[in-house]
């Protein structure tokens, strides 16, 4: 059995090799930014990319196949600057190829 890789929000999202790694990084980002699921959902609405609290939980648990816009709403809800969002979205695109994710 291979060792479990410890990922923190300060880890480079490009290091995520699985969808579960990506979800763990999203959770770490939320915790580092001191955001609750409610505050991420509320701030995503203010940022123009609304997601629900349930969707936040689904993202950090790697439940289902999210839309790219959902991940963007999460990142904005965490208050991540636009220039930092790019690395997260590139990783998302790699782990969730367009042909295998939910329709936008």
N, C-alpha and C. Protein backbone atom coordinates (compact mmCIF):
# COMPACT_ATOMS: atom_id res chain seq x y z
N UNK A 1 0.84 -1.17 0.00
CA UNK A 1 0.00 0.00 0.00
C UNK A 1 0.89 1.23 0.00
N UNK A 2 0.60 2.18 -0.89
CA UNK A 2 1.41 3.38 -0.99
C UNK A 2 1.03 4.37 0.10
N UNK A 3 2.00 5.19 0.55
CA UNK A 3 1.70 6.17 1.60
C UNK A 3 0.71 7.22 1.10
N UNK A 4 -0.08 7.73 2.01
CA UNK A 4 -1.04 8.78 1.68
C UNK A 4 -0.29 10.10 1.59
N UNK A 5 -0.48 10.79 0.49
CA UNK A 5 0.16 12.09 0.29
C UNK A 5 -0.60 13.15 1.08
N UNK A 6 0.13 13.92 1.88
CA UNK A 6 -0.48 14.99 2.66
C UNK A 6 -0.49 16.24 1.80
N UNK A 7 -1.69 16.78 1.59
CA UNK A 7 -1.84 17.97 0.76
C UNK A 7 -2.38 19.10 1.61
N UNK A 8 -1.84 20.27 1.44
CA UNK A 8 -2.33 21.45 2.14
C UNK A 8 -2.71 22.49 1.10
N UNK A 9 -3.43 23.51 1.53
CA UNK A 9 -3.85 24.54 0.59
C UNK A 9 -2.65 25.26 0.00
N UNK A 10 -1.55 25.29 0.73
CA UNK A 10 -0.37 25.93 0.19
C UNK A 10 0.36 25.02 -0.79
N UNK A 11 -0.10 23.76 -0.90
CA UNK A 11 0.42 22.86 -1.92
C UNK A 11 0.00 23.39 -3.27
N UNK A 12 0.76 23.07 -4.26
CA UNK A 12 0.42 23.47 -5.62
C UNK A 12 -0.72 22.57 -6.11
N UNK A 13 -1.85 23.15 -6.53
CA UNK A 13 -2.95 22.31 -7.00
C UNK A 13 -2.53 21.43 -8.18
N UNK A 14 -1.47 21.83 -8.88
CA UNK A 14 -1.00 21.04 -10.01
C UNK A 14 -0.42 19.70 -9.55
N UNK A 15 -0.13 19.57 -8.24
CA UNK A 15 0.40 18.32 -7.70
C UNK A 15 -0.69 17.26 -7.51
N UNK A 16 -1.94 17.65 -7.56
CA UNK A 16 -3.03 16.68 -7.38
C UNK A 16 -3.01 15.69 -8.53
N UNK A 17 -2.95 14.41 -8.18
CA UNK A 17 -2.92 13.38 -9.21
C UNK A 17 -4.23 12.62 -9.33
N UNK A 18 -5.13 12.83 -8.37
CA UNK A 18 -6.44 12.17 -8.42
C UNK A 18 -7.53 13.18 -8.08
N UNK A 19 -8.74 12.80 -8.34
CA UNK A 19 -9.88 13.66 -7.99
C UNK A 19 -9.99 13.82 -6.48
N UNK A 20 -9.64 12.77 -5.74
CA UNK A 20 -9.67 12.85 -4.28
C UNK A 20 -8.61 13.82 -3.77
N UNK A 21 -7.41 13.81 -4.38
CA UNK A 21 -6.38 14.80 -4.03
C UNK A 21 -6.92 16.21 -4.24
N UNK A 22 -7.56 16.41 -5.37
CA UNK A 22 -8.10 17.74 -5.71
C UNK A 22 -9.13 18.17 -4.67
N UNK A 23 -10.02 17.26 -4.29
CA UNK A 23 -11.04 17.58 -3.28
C UNK A 23 -10.38 17.91 -1.94
N UNK A 24 -9.33 17.18 -1.58
CA UNK A 24 -8.63 17.47 -0.33
C UNK A 24 -7.99 18.85 -0.37
N UNK A 25 -7.46 19.22 -1.50
CA UNK A 25 -6.87 20.55 -1.65
C UNK A 25 -7.94 21.63 -1.56
N UNK A 26 -9.11 21.38 -2.14
CA UNK A 26 -10.20 22.35 -2.03
C UNK A 26 -10.61 22.54 -0.57
N UNK A 27 -10.69 21.43 0.16
CA UNK A 27 -11.03 21.50 1.58
C UNK A 27 -9.96 22.28 2.34
N UNK A 28 -8.69 22.00 2.06
CA UNK A 28 -7.60 22.70 2.74
C UNK A 28 -7.63 24.20 2.42
N UNK A 29 -7.95 24.54 1.18
CA UNK A 29 -8.07 25.94 0.79
C UNK A 29 -9.17 26.63 1.60
N UNK A 30 -10.29 25.97 1.70
CA UNK A 30 -11.42 26.53 2.45
C UNK A 30 -11.03 26.74 3.92
N UNK A 31 -10.34 25.78 4.49
CA UNK A 31 -9.93 25.90 5.89
C UNK A 31 -8.87 26.98 6.05
N UNK A 32 -7.91 27.04 5.13
CA UNK A 32 -6.87 28.06 5.21
C UNK A 32 -7.47 29.46 5.13
N UNK A 33 -8.50 29.61 4.30
CA UNK A 33 -9.16 30.91 4.13
C UNK A 33 -10.19 31.17 5.24
N UNK A 34 -10.30 30.22 6.17
CA UNK A 34 -11.24 30.32 7.30
C UNK A 34 -12.67 30.55 6.83
N UNK A 35 -13.06 29.71 5.87
CA UNK A 35 -14.41 29.81 5.32
C UNK A 35 -15.20 28.56 5.70
N UNK A 36 -16.45 28.77 6.06
CA UNK A 36 -17.37 27.65 6.26
C UNK A 36 -18.06 27.38 4.93
N UNK A 37 -18.75 26.27 4.84
CA UNK A 37 -19.50 25.97 3.62
C UNK A 37 -20.53 27.07 3.35
N UNK A 38 -21.17 27.56 4.40
CA UNK A 38 -22.16 28.64 4.24
C UNK A 38 -21.51 29.90 3.68
N UNK A 39 -20.34 30.26 4.21
CA UNK A 39 -19.71 31.50 3.73
C UNK A 39 -19.20 31.35 2.30
N UNK A 40 -18.70 30.16 1.94
CA UNK A 40 -18.28 29.95 0.55
C UNK A 40 -19.47 30.10 -0.38
N UNK A 41 -20.60 29.49 -0.01
CA UNK A 41 -21.81 29.59 -0.83
C UNK A 41 -22.27 31.04 -0.94
N UNK A 42 -22.30 31.74 0.18
CA UNK A 42 -22.76 33.14 0.18
C UNK A 42 -21.82 34.02 -0.66
N UNK A 43 -20.52 33.86 -0.47
CA UNK A 43 -19.55 34.67 -1.21
C UNK A 43 -19.54 34.33 -2.70
N UNK A 44 -19.86 33.08 -3.03
CA UNK A 44 -19.92 32.72 -4.46
C UNK A 44 -21.06 33.47 -5.13
N UNK A 45 -22.16 33.67 -4.41
CA UNK A 45 -23.28 34.46 -4.96
C UNK A 45 -22.85 35.89 -5.21
N UNK A 46 -22.14 36.48 -4.22
CA UNK A 46 -21.66 37.86 -4.36
C UNK A 46 -20.68 37.98 -5.53
N UNK A 47 -19.96 36.90 -5.82
CA UNK A 47 -18.97 36.91 -6.90
C UNK A 47 -19.60 36.59 -8.26
N UNK A 48 -20.90 36.34 -8.29
CA UNK A 48 -21.60 36.09 -9.55
C UNK A 48 -21.53 34.66 -10.05
N UNK A 49 -21.06 33.73 -9.21
CA UNK A 49 -20.97 32.31 -9.59
C UNK A 49 -21.59 31.48 -8.47
N UNK A 50 -22.90 31.60 -8.25
CA UNK A 50 -23.52 30.99 -7.08
C UNK A 50 -23.47 29.46 -7.06
N UNK A 51 -23.08 28.94 -5.89
CA UNK A 51 -23.18 27.50 -5.62
C UNK A 51 -23.83 27.35 -4.26
N UNK A 52 -24.40 26.20 -4.00
CA UNK A 52 -25.08 25.95 -2.73
C UNK A 52 -24.12 25.36 -1.71
N UNK A 53 -24.54 25.38 -0.46
CA UNK A 53 -23.76 24.76 0.61
C UNK A 53 -23.58 23.26 0.33
N UNK A 54 -24.62 22.61 -0.15
CA UNK A 54 -24.53 21.17 -0.48
C UNK A 54 -23.49 20.93 -1.56
N UNK A 55 -23.42 21.84 -2.52
CA UNK A 55 -22.43 21.72 -3.59
C UNK A 55 -21.02 21.87 -3.04
N UNK A 56 -20.84 22.78 -2.09
CA UNK A 56 -19.53 22.93 -1.44
C UNK A 56 -19.12 21.60 -0.82
N UNK A 57 -20.03 20.99 -0.08
CA UNK A 57 -19.73 19.70 0.56
C UNK A 57 -19.41 18.63 -0.48
N UNK A 58 -20.15 18.62 -1.58
CA UNK A 58 -19.88 17.64 -2.64
C UNK A 58 -18.48 17.83 -3.23
N UNK A 59 -18.07 19.08 -3.42
CA UNK A 59 -16.75 19.36 -3.97
C UNK A 59 -15.64 18.88 -3.06
N UNK A 60 -15.75 19.15 -1.77
CA UNK A 60 -14.66 18.79 -0.85
C UNK A 60 -14.68 17.32 -0.48
N UNK A 61 -15.72 16.61 -0.89
CA UNK A 61 -15.79 15.16 -0.65
C UNK A 61 -15.58 14.36 -1.93
N UNK A 62 -15.33 15.04 -3.04
CA UNK A 62 -15.15 14.39 -4.35
C UNK A 62 -16.37 13.57 -4.74
N UNK A 63 -17.55 14.09 -4.42
CA UNK A 63 -18.81 13.43 -4.77
C UNK A 63 -19.27 13.90 -6.14
N UNK A 64 -19.49 12.98 -7.05
CA UNK A 64 -20.00 13.32 -8.37
C UNK A 64 -18.94 13.96 -9.25
N UNK A 65 -19.41 14.44 -10.38
CA UNK A 65 -18.54 15.09 -11.36
C UNK A 65 -19.00 16.54 -11.49
N UNK A 66 -18.21 17.47 -10.93
CA UNK A 66 -18.63 18.87 -10.93
C UNK A 66 -18.45 19.54 -12.29
N UNK A 67 -19.17 20.62 -12.47
CA UNK A 67 -18.95 21.47 -13.64
C UNK A 67 -17.79 22.41 -13.34
N UNK A 68 -17.15 22.86 -14.36
CA UNK A 68 -16.03 23.80 -14.22
C UNK A 68 -16.50 25.08 -13.53
N UNK A 69 -17.69 25.54 -13.88
CA UNK A 69 -18.24 26.76 -13.30
C UNK A 69 -18.47 26.59 -11.79
N UNK A 70 -18.77 25.38 -11.37
CA UNK A 70 -18.97 25.10 -9.95
C UNK A 70 -17.66 25.27 -9.20
N UNK A 71 -16.58 24.74 -9.76
CA UNK A 71 -15.26 24.88 -9.13
C UNK A 71 -14.87 26.35 -9.09
N UNK A 72 -15.14 27.07 -10.15
CA UNK A 72 -14.84 28.49 -10.19
C UNK A 72 -15.64 29.24 -9.11
N UNK A 73 -16.90 28.90 -8.95
CA UNK A 73 -17.71 29.50 -7.89
C UNK A 73 -17.13 29.22 -6.52
N UNK A 74 -16.64 28.01 -6.31
CA UNK A 74 -16.01 27.64 -5.04
C UNK A 74 -14.76 28.49 -4.81
N UNK A 75 -13.91 28.58 -5.81
CA UNK A 75 -12.67 29.34 -5.68
C UNK A 75 -12.95 30.81 -5.39
N UNK A 76 -13.93 31.36 -6.07
CA UNK A 76 -14.31 32.76 -5.82
C UNK A 76 -14.93 32.91 -4.44
N UNK A 77 -15.71 31.92 -4.04
CA UNK A 77 -16.32 31.94 -2.71
C UNK A 77 -15.28 31.87 -1.60
N UNK A 78 -14.14 31.26 -1.89
CA UNK A 78 -13.03 31.23 -0.93
C UNK A 78 -12.21 32.51 -0.96
N UNK A 79 -12.49 33.38 -1.93
CA UNK A 79 -11.77 34.64 -2.03
C UNK A 79 -10.42 34.51 -2.70
N UNK A 80 -10.25 33.49 -3.51
CA UNK A 80 -8.98 33.28 -4.20
C UNK A 80 -8.86 34.27 -5.36
N UNK A 81 -7.74 35.01 -5.44
CA UNK A 81 -7.55 35.97 -6.53
C UNK A 81 -7.59 35.27 -7.89
N UNK A 82 -8.04 35.99 -8.90
CA UNK A 82 -8.20 35.44 -10.25
C UNK A 82 -6.93 34.79 -10.77
N UNK A 83 -5.78 35.42 -10.54
CA UNK A 83 -4.54 34.87 -11.07
C UNK A 83 -4.19 33.52 -10.43
N UNK A 84 -4.65 33.27 -9.20
CA UNK A 84 -4.40 32.00 -8.54
C UNK A 84 -5.42 30.93 -8.95
N UNK A 85 -6.56 31.35 -9.46
CA UNK A 85 -7.59 30.41 -9.87
C UNK A 85 -7.17 29.59 -11.08
N UNK A 86 -6.30 30.14 -11.90
CA UNK A 86 -5.90 29.49 -13.15
C UNK A 86 -5.32 28.11 -12.90
N UNK A 87 -4.40 27.99 -11.94
CA UNK A 87 -3.75 26.70 -11.66
C UNK A 87 -4.77 25.66 -11.21
N UNK A 88 -5.76 26.11 -10.45
CA UNK A 88 -6.81 25.20 -10.00
C UNK A 88 -7.65 24.71 -11.18
N UNK A 89 -7.97 25.63 -12.08
CA UNK A 89 -8.80 25.25 -13.22
C UNK A 89 -8.04 24.36 -14.21
N UNK A 90 -6.76 24.60 -14.38
CA UNK A 90 -5.94 23.72 -15.23
C UNK A 90 -5.93 22.31 -14.65
N UNK A 91 -5.77 22.21 -13.34
CA UNK A 91 -5.79 20.89 -12.69
C UNK A 91 -7.15 20.25 -12.83
N UNK A 92 -8.21 21.03 -12.64
CA UNK A 92 -9.56 20.50 -12.82
C UNK A 92 -9.73 19.93 -14.22
N UNK A 93 -9.30 20.68 -15.23
CA UNK A 93 -9.45 20.22 -16.62
C UNK A 93 -8.67 18.93 -16.87
N UNK A 94 -7.54 18.77 -16.21
CA UNK A 94 -6.75 17.55 -16.38
C UNK A 94 -7.42 16.36 -15.71
N UNK A 95 -7.98 16.57 -14.53
CA UNK A 95 -8.58 15.46 -13.77
C UNK A 95 -10.00 15.14 -14.22
N UNK A 96 -10.67 16.11 -14.81
CA UNK A 96 -12.04 15.93 -15.29
C UNK A 96 -12.09 16.33 -16.76
N UNK A 97 -11.61 15.46 -17.64
CA UNK A 97 -11.64 15.80 -19.08
C UNK A 97 -13.05 16.18 -19.53
N UNK A 98 -13.12 17.13 -20.44
CA UNK A 98 -14.40 17.69 -20.88
C UNK A 98 -15.43 16.64 -21.28
N UNK A 99 -15.00 15.58 -21.92
CA UNK A 99 -15.94 14.55 -22.38
C UNK A 99 -16.50 13.69 -21.26
N UNK A 100 -15.94 13.82 -20.06
CA UNK A 100 -16.37 12.97 -18.94
C UNK A 100 -16.97 13.74 -17.79
N UNK A 101 -17.28 15.00 -17.97
CA UNK A 101 -17.87 15.77 -16.88
C UNK A 101 -19.29 16.17 -17.22
N UNK A 102 -19.98 16.71 -16.23
CA UNK A 102 -21.38 17.11 -16.40
C UNK A 102 -21.48 18.22 -17.45
N UNK A 103 -22.60 18.24 -18.13
CA UNK A 103 -22.84 19.29 -19.14
C UNK A 103 -22.93 20.63 -18.45
N UNK A 104 -22.39 21.66 -19.11
CA UNK A 104 -22.43 23.01 -18.52
C UNK A 104 -23.71 23.72 -18.83
